[in-house]
N, C-alpha and C. Protein backbone atom coordinates (compact mmCIF):
# COMPACT_ATOMS: atom_id res chain seq x y z
N UNK A 1 105.94 102.63 89.36
CA UNK A 1 107.37 102.55 89.44
C UNK A 1 107.90 101.39 88.59
N UNK A 2 107.18 100.23 88.66
CA UNK A 2 107.60 99.08 87.86
C UNK A 2 107.62 99.43 86.37
N UNK A 3 106.59 100.15 85.95
CA UNK A 3 106.49 100.49 84.53
C UNK A 3 107.62 101.41 84.09
N UNK A 4 108.02 102.29 84.97
CA UNK A 4 109.13 103.21 84.66
C UNK A 4 110.43 102.43 84.50
N UNK A 5 110.67 101.46 85.40
CA UNK A 5 111.88 100.65 85.32
C UNK A 5 111.89 99.82 84.05
N UNK A 6 110.76 99.20 83.73
CA UNK A 6 110.65 98.39 82.52
C UNK A 6 110.86 99.26 81.28
N UNK A 7 110.25 100.44 81.26
CA UNK A 7 110.40 101.35 80.11
C UNK A 7 111.86 101.77 79.95
N UNK A 8 112.54 102.06 81.06
CA UNK A 8 113.95 102.45 80.99
C UNK A 8 114.82 101.30 80.49
N UNK A 9 114.53 100.09 80.94
CA UNK A 9 115.28 98.93 80.47
C UNK A 9 115.09 98.71 78.97
N UNK A 10 113.85 98.80 78.52
CA UNK A 10 113.58 98.62 77.09
C UNK A 10 114.26 99.71 76.26
N UNK A 11 114.24 100.92 76.72
CA UNK A 11 114.90 102.01 76.01
C UNK A 11 116.41 101.77 75.97
N UNK A 12 116.97 101.34 77.09
CA UNK A 12 118.41 101.06 77.15
C UNK A 12 118.82 99.94 76.22
N UNK A 13 117.99 98.92 76.08
CA UNK A 13 118.30 97.82 75.18
C UNK A 13 118.18 98.22 73.72
N UNK A 14 117.34 99.19 73.42
CA UNK A 14 117.15 99.58 72.02
C UNK A 14 118.15 100.62 71.56
N UNK A 15 118.86 101.28 72.45
CA UNK A 15 119.81 102.32 72.07
C UNK A 15 120.92 101.85 71.14
N UNK A 16 121.51 100.66 71.34
CA UNK A 16 122.56 100.24 70.41
C UNK A 16 122.09 100.16 68.96
N UNK A 17 120.81 99.94 68.75
CA UNK A 17 120.28 99.89 67.39
C UNK A 17 120.46 101.24 66.72
N UNK A 18 120.26 102.32 67.49
CA UNK A 18 120.38 103.65 66.92
C UNK A 18 121.83 104.11 66.84
N UNK A 19 122.74 103.43 67.51
CA UNK A 19 124.15 103.81 67.52
C UNK A 19 124.88 103.35 66.28
N UNK A 20 124.26 102.47 65.47
CA UNK A 20 124.92 101.99 64.26
C UNK A 20 125.23 103.16 63.35
N UNK A 21 126.44 103.18 62.84
CA UNK A 21 126.82 104.22 61.91
C UNK A 21 127.25 103.57 60.61
N UNK A 22 127.11 104.35 59.56
CA UNK A 22 127.45 103.82 58.26
C UNK A 22 128.56 104.67 57.65
N UNK A 23 129.51 104.00 57.03
CA UNK A 23 130.58 104.67 56.30
C UNK A 23 130.11 104.80 54.86
N UNK A 24 130.31 105.97 54.29
CA UNK A 24 129.85 106.21 52.91
C UNK A 24 130.96 106.94 52.17
N UNK A 25 131.41 106.34 51.06
CA UNK A 25 132.47 106.94 50.25
C UNK A 25 131.99 107.17 48.83
N UNK A 26 132.34 108.32 48.29
CA UNK A 26 132.02 108.64 46.90
C UNK A 26 133.04 107.94 46.00
N UNK A 27 132.56 107.32 44.94
CA UNK A 27 133.43 106.56 44.06
C UNK A 27 133.89 107.40 42.87
N UNK A 28 135.11 107.16 42.44
CA UNK A 28 135.66 107.78 41.22
C UNK A 28 135.24 107.01 39.98
N UNK A 29 134.56 105.88 40.17
CA UNK A 29 134.21 104.99 39.06
C UNK A 29 132.71 104.91 38.89
N UNK A 30 132.26 104.31 37.78
CA UNK A 30 130.83 104.12 37.59
C UNK A 30 130.36 102.96 38.48
N UNK A 31 129.06 102.73 38.47
CA UNK A 31 128.47 101.73 39.36
C UNK A 31 129.05 100.33 39.12
N UNK A 32 129.08 99.91 37.86
CA UNK A 32 129.56 98.56 37.54
C UNK A 32 131.03 98.40 37.92
N UNK A 33 131.86 99.40 37.59
CA UNK A 33 133.28 99.32 37.92
C UNK A 33 133.51 99.27 39.43
N UNK A 34 132.74 100.06 40.17
CA UNK A 34 132.89 100.08 41.63
C UNK A 34 132.55 98.71 42.23
N UNK A 35 131.47 98.11 41.74
CA UNK A 35 131.09 96.77 42.22
C UNK A 35 132.19 95.77 41.90
N UNK A 36 132.68 95.78 40.67
CA UNK A 36 133.73 94.84 40.26
C UNK A 36 134.99 95.04 41.10
N UNK A 37 135.38 96.30 41.30
CA UNK A 37 136.59 96.59 42.07
C UNK A 37 136.44 96.16 43.53
N UNK A 38 135.24 96.33 44.10
CA UNK A 38 135.02 95.92 45.49
C UNK A 38 135.13 94.40 45.63
N UNK A 39 134.51 93.70 44.71
CA UNK A 39 134.57 92.23 44.74
C UNK A 39 136.01 91.75 44.55
N UNK A 40 136.75 92.38 43.65
CA UNK A 40 138.16 92.02 43.46
C UNK A 40 138.97 92.27 44.73
N UNK A 41 138.71 93.37 45.42
CA UNK A 41 139.41 93.67 46.66
C UNK A 41 139.13 92.61 47.72
N UNK A 42 137.89 92.17 47.81
CA UNK A 42 137.54 91.12 48.77
C UNK A 42 138.27 89.82 48.42
N UNK A 43 138.22 89.45 47.14
CA UNK A 43 138.82 88.19 46.71
C UNK A 43 140.33 88.19 46.86
N UNK A 44 140.97 89.36 46.73
CA UNK A 44 142.43 89.45 46.93
C UNK A 44 142.82 89.00 48.33
N UNK A 45 141.95 89.24 49.31
CA UNK A 45 142.22 88.84 50.69
C UNK A 45 141.57 87.50 51.03
N UNK A 46 141.02 86.82 50.04
CA UNK A 46 140.42 85.51 50.28
C UNK A 46 139.07 85.57 50.97
N UNK A 47 138.37 86.70 50.87
CA UNK A 47 137.06 86.84 51.50
C UNK A 47 135.99 86.44 50.48
N UNK A 48 135.26 85.36 50.73
CA UNK A 48 134.25 84.90 49.78
C UNK A 48 133.07 85.86 49.66
N UNK A 49 132.63 86.07 48.43
CA UNK A 49 131.43 86.84 48.15
C UNK A 49 130.27 85.84 48.09
N UNK A 50 129.27 86.06 48.92
CA UNK A 50 128.14 85.13 49.01
C UNK A 50 127.05 85.44 48.01
N UNK A 51 126.85 86.73 47.71
CA UNK A 51 125.78 87.11 46.79
C UNK A 51 125.97 88.54 46.30
N UNK A 52 125.41 88.79 45.13
CA UNK A 52 125.27 90.13 44.58
C UNK A 52 123.80 90.31 44.29
N UNK A 53 123.22 91.35 44.84
CA UNK A 53 121.79 91.57 44.66
C UNK A 53 121.56 92.94 44.04
N UNK A 54 120.86 92.97 42.91
CA UNK A 54 120.49 94.23 42.30
C UNK A 54 119.36 94.82 43.14
N UNK A 55 119.48 96.10 43.46
CA UNK A 55 118.47 96.76 44.27
C UNK A 55 117.20 96.97 43.44
N UNK A 56 116.07 97.08 44.11
CA UNK A 56 114.77 97.18 43.43
C UNK A 56 114.72 98.30 42.39
N UNK A 57 115.33 99.41 42.71
CA UNK A 57 115.27 100.54 41.78
C UNK A 57 116.31 100.44 40.67
N UNK A 58 117.08 99.38 40.63
CA UNK A 58 118.12 99.12 39.63
C UNK A 58 119.19 100.22 39.60
N UNK A 59 119.28 100.98 40.67
CA UNK A 59 120.28 102.04 40.76
C UNK A 59 121.41 101.66 41.70
N UNK A 60 121.53 100.37 41.98
CA UNK A 60 122.60 99.94 42.87
C UNK A 60 122.62 98.44 43.06
N UNK A 61 123.63 98.02 43.80
CA UNK A 61 123.78 96.60 44.13
C UNK A 61 124.22 96.45 45.58
N UNK A 62 123.79 95.35 46.16
CA UNK A 62 124.26 94.96 47.48
C UNK A 62 125.22 93.79 47.28
N UNK A 63 126.34 93.85 47.97
CA UNK A 63 127.34 92.79 47.92
C UNK A 63 127.38 92.15 49.30
N UNK A 64 127.02 90.88 49.36
CA UNK A 64 127.00 90.14 50.62
C UNK A 64 128.26 89.28 50.65
N UNK A 65 129.03 89.40 51.73
CA UNK A 65 130.30 88.68 51.83
C UNK A 65 130.52 88.21 53.25
N UNK A 66 131.40 87.22 53.39
CA UNK A 66 131.68 86.72 54.73
C UNK A 66 132.49 87.74 55.51
N UNK A 67 132.37 87.64 56.79
CA UNK A 67 133.13 88.49 57.69
C UNK A 67 134.62 88.22 57.49
N UNK A 68 135.44 89.25 57.20
CA UNK A 68 136.86 89.00 56.97
C UNK A 68 137.59 88.44 58.20
N UNK A 69 136.99 88.52 59.38
CA UNK A 69 137.61 87.95 60.57
C UNK A 69 137.37 86.45 60.69
N UNK A 70 136.44 85.94 59.91
CA UNK A 70 136.07 84.53 60.02
C UNK A 70 136.79 83.71 58.95
N UNK A 71 137.66 82.83 59.36
CA UNK A 71 138.33 81.93 58.44
C UNK A 71 139.48 82.55 57.68
N UNK A 72 139.94 83.74 58.09
CA UNK A 72 141.08 84.36 57.44
C UNK A 72 142.15 84.64 58.48
N UNK A 73 143.27 85.13 58.05
CA UNK A 73 144.36 85.42 58.99
C UNK A 73 144.00 86.53 59.96
N UNK A 74 143.01 87.38 59.62
CA UNK A 74 142.62 88.44 60.55
C UNK A 74 141.96 87.89 61.81
N UNK A 75 141.29 86.74 61.70
CA UNK A 75 140.51 86.24 62.81
C UNK A 75 141.08 85.02 63.50
N UNK A 76 142.37 84.84 63.50
CA UNK A 76 142.97 83.62 64.04
C UNK A 76 143.09 83.59 65.56
N UNK A 77 142.85 84.68 66.25
CA UNK A 77 143.13 84.69 67.68
C UNK A 77 142.17 83.82 68.48
N UNK A 78 140.96 83.63 68.03
CA UNK A 78 140.01 82.84 68.80
C UNK A 78 139.01 82.17 67.86
N UNK A 79 139.34 80.99 67.42
CA UNK A 79 138.49 80.26 66.45
C UNK A 79 137.14 79.86 67.04
N UNK A 80 137.03 79.76 68.35
CA UNK A 80 135.78 79.27 68.93
C UNK A 80 134.69 80.34 68.94
N UNK A 81 135.04 81.59 68.72
CA UNK A 81 134.04 82.66 68.75
C UNK A 81 133.36 82.75 67.40
N UNK A 82 132.06 82.87 67.41
CA UNK A 82 131.28 82.93 66.17
C UNK A 82 131.49 84.29 65.49
N UNK A 83 132.02 84.25 64.28
CA UNK A 83 132.30 85.47 63.53
C UNK A 83 131.75 85.36 62.11
N UNK A 84 130.81 84.47 61.90
CA UNK A 84 130.40 84.16 60.54
C UNK A 84 129.18 84.93 60.05
N UNK A 85 128.80 85.98 60.75
CA UNK A 85 127.66 86.77 60.28
C UNK A 85 128.05 87.50 59.00
N UNK A 86 127.29 87.33 57.93
CA UNK A 86 127.64 88.00 56.67
C UNK A 86 127.57 89.52 56.79
N UNK A 87 128.37 90.19 55.99
CA UNK A 87 128.39 91.64 55.94
C UNK A 87 127.83 92.08 54.59
N UNK A 88 127.40 93.34 54.52
CA UNK A 88 126.82 93.85 53.29
C UNK A 88 127.44 95.21 52.97
N UNK A 89 127.87 95.37 51.75
CA UNK A 89 128.28 96.67 51.23
C UNK A 89 127.28 97.04 50.14
N UNK A 90 126.96 98.30 50.04
CA UNK A 90 126.01 98.78 49.06
C UNK A 90 126.69 99.78 48.13
N UNK A 91 126.52 99.57 46.84
CA UNK A 91 127.00 100.52 45.83
C UNK A 91 125.76 101.04 45.12
N UNK A 92 125.58 102.36 45.15
CA UNK A 92 124.37 102.91 44.53
C UNK A 92 124.61 104.27 43.90
N UNK A 93 123.76 104.59 42.94
CA UNK A 93 123.78 105.88 42.24
C UNK A 93 122.74 106.78 42.90
N UNK A 94 123.14 108.00 43.27
CA UNK A 94 122.18 108.92 43.87
C UNK A 94 121.45 109.72 42.78
N UNK A 95 120.56 110.61 43.18
CA UNK A 95 119.75 111.38 42.24
C UNK A 95 120.59 112.30 41.36
N UNK A 96 121.78 112.66 41.81
CA UNK A 96 122.67 113.53 41.04
C UNK A 96 123.63 112.75 40.14
N UNK A 97 123.51 111.41 40.16
CA UNK A 97 124.36 110.58 39.31
C UNK A 97 125.68 110.17 39.94
N UNK A 98 125.93 110.56 41.20
CA UNK A 98 127.15 110.17 41.89
C UNK A 98 127.02 108.73 42.39
N UNK A 99 128.14 108.03 42.40
CA UNK A 99 128.18 106.65 42.88
C UNK A 99 128.74 106.64 44.29
N UNK A 100 128.06 105.94 45.18
CA UNK A 100 128.45 105.86 46.58
C UNK A 100 128.59 104.40 47.00
N UNK A 101 129.62 104.11 47.77
CA UNK A 101 129.79 102.79 48.39
C UNK A 101 129.60 102.99 49.88
N UNK A 102 128.78 102.16 50.50
CA UNK A 102 128.54 102.29 51.93
C UNK A 102 128.54 100.92 52.60
N UNK A 103 128.90 100.93 53.88
CA UNK A 103 128.89 99.73 54.71
C UNK A 103 128.76 100.16 56.16
N UNK A 104 128.31 99.25 57.01
CA UNK A 104 128.14 99.56 58.43
C UNK A 104 129.48 99.54 59.14
N UNK A 105 129.62 100.42 60.13
CA UNK A 105 130.81 100.42 60.98
C UNK A 105 130.95 99.04 61.63
N UNK A 106 132.15 98.57 61.82
CA UNK A 106 132.33 97.20 62.32
C UNK A 106 131.87 96.95 63.74
N UNK A 107 131.80 97.94 64.60
CA UNK A 107 131.40 97.68 65.98
C UNK A 107 130.07 96.97 66.07
N UNK A 108 129.11 97.37 65.26
CA UNK A 108 127.79 96.75 65.32
C UNK A 108 127.87 95.26 65.00
N UNK A 109 128.64 94.88 64.00
CA UNK A 109 128.77 93.48 63.62
C UNK A 109 129.53 92.70 64.69
N UNK A 110 130.57 93.26 65.19
CA UNK A 110 131.38 92.55 66.18
C UNK A 110 130.62 92.39 67.49
N UNK A 111 129.93 93.42 67.93
CA UNK A 111 129.23 93.34 69.20
C UNK A 111 128.05 92.39 69.17
N UNK A 112 127.50 92.07 68.01
CA UNK A 112 126.40 91.11 67.93
C UNK A 112 126.78 89.78 68.56
N UNK A 113 128.04 89.37 68.44
CA UNK A 113 128.48 88.10 68.99
C UNK A 113 129.51 88.26 70.10
N UNK A 114 129.77 89.49 70.56
CA UNK A 114 130.72 89.71 71.63
C UNK A 114 132.13 89.31 71.26
N UNK A 115 132.55 89.63 70.06
CA UNK A 115 133.83 89.17 69.54
C UNK A 115 134.99 90.06 69.97
N UNK A 116 134.73 91.11 70.71
CA UNK A 116 135.78 92.06 71.04
C UNK A 116 136.85 91.45 71.96
N UNK A 117 136.64 90.30 72.49
CA UNK A 117 137.57 89.71 73.44
C UNK A 117 138.97 89.42 72.89
N UNK A 118 139.19 89.51 71.61
CA UNK A 118 140.51 89.24 71.04
C UNK A 118 141.35 90.50 70.87
N UNK A 119 141.00 91.57 71.48
CA UNK A 119 141.86 92.75 71.46
C UNK A 119 141.61 93.67 70.29
N UNK A 120 142.38 93.54 69.23
CA UNK A 120 142.36 94.52 68.15
C UNK A 120 141.44 94.13 67.00
N UNK A 121 140.49 93.25 67.21
CA UNK A 121 139.63 92.82 66.12
C UNK A 121 138.80 93.96 65.53
N UNK A 122 138.33 94.86 66.38
CA UNK A 122 137.55 95.99 65.87
C UNK A 122 138.41 96.82 64.92
N UNK A 123 139.63 97.13 65.33
CA UNK A 123 140.53 97.91 64.48
C UNK A 123 140.90 97.14 63.22
N UNK A 124 141.16 95.84 63.35
CA UNK A 124 141.48 95.03 62.17
C UNK A 124 140.32 95.02 61.19
N UNK A 125 139.11 94.87 61.70
CA UNK A 125 137.93 94.86 60.85
C UNK A 125 137.74 96.21 60.18
N UNK A 126 137.87 97.28 60.94
CA UNK A 126 137.72 98.63 60.39
C UNK A 126 138.74 98.87 59.28
N UNK A 127 139.99 98.49 59.52
CA UNK A 127 141.04 98.68 58.51
C UNK A 127 140.76 97.84 57.26
N UNK A 128 140.32 96.62 57.45
CA UNK A 128 140.04 95.75 56.29
C UNK A 128 138.89 96.31 55.46
N UNK A 129 137.80 96.69 56.10
CA UNK A 129 136.65 97.23 55.36
C UNK A 129 137.01 98.54 54.67
N UNK A 130 137.80 99.38 55.33
CA UNK A 130 138.23 100.63 54.72
C UNK A 130 139.14 100.37 53.52
N UNK A 131 140.01 99.37 53.65
CA UNK A 131 140.92 99.01 52.54
C UNK A 131 140.12 98.58 51.32
N UNK A 132 139.12 97.72 51.52
CA UNK A 132 138.30 97.25 50.40
C UNK A 132 137.56 98.42 49.75
N UNK A 133 137.01 99.29 50.58
CA UNK A 133 136.27 100.45 50.05
C UNK A 133 137.20 101.40 49.30
N UNK A 134 138.38 101.64 49.83
CA UNK A 134 139.33 102.52 49.15
C UNK A 134 139.75 101.95 47.80
N UNK A 135 140.02 100.64 47.76
CA UNK A 135 140.39 100.00 46.50
C UNK A 135 139.28 100.12 45.46
N UNK A 136 138.05 100.07 45.91
CA UNK A 136 136.92 100.10 44.99
C UNK A 136 136.57 101.49 44.50
N UNK A 137 136.83 102.51 45.32
CA UNK A 137 136.30 103.84 45.02
C UNK A 137 137.33 104.86 44.53
N UNK A 138 138.61 104.63 44.76
CA UNK A 138 139.58 105.67 44.40
C UNK A 138 140.72 105.12 43.55
N UNK A 139 141.36 106.04 42.85
CA UNK A 139 142.47 105.66 41.95
C UNK A 139 143.72 105.32 42.73
């Protein structure tokens, strides 16, 4: 019986890992233009870009940036809550030559530190990330 309870607890703790979802948008631009446009969109809102990493297969880049809720007007409701976990967006070319921009849904990032206590932060984060992606991928 103990083993069953322990197994159920471990399974329950691991489920949020599988609940992560990724947003993926097809870009109207080439790989380099999409990366540049995404970085420009971040910088327009004062979100610092921490790194750009070329992927091993040279068919894409990862853009590492600070959480837009940390140190910006989006995250002013509770400065004491840790919101500084970096985020990553990926721009890559698929086998058919299409360019895709992808990023993780914000719930996973916000729940890592229990930041939901400020009300609309999840929606603010979702809207901000979608805005950056839209600016980078569409006319």
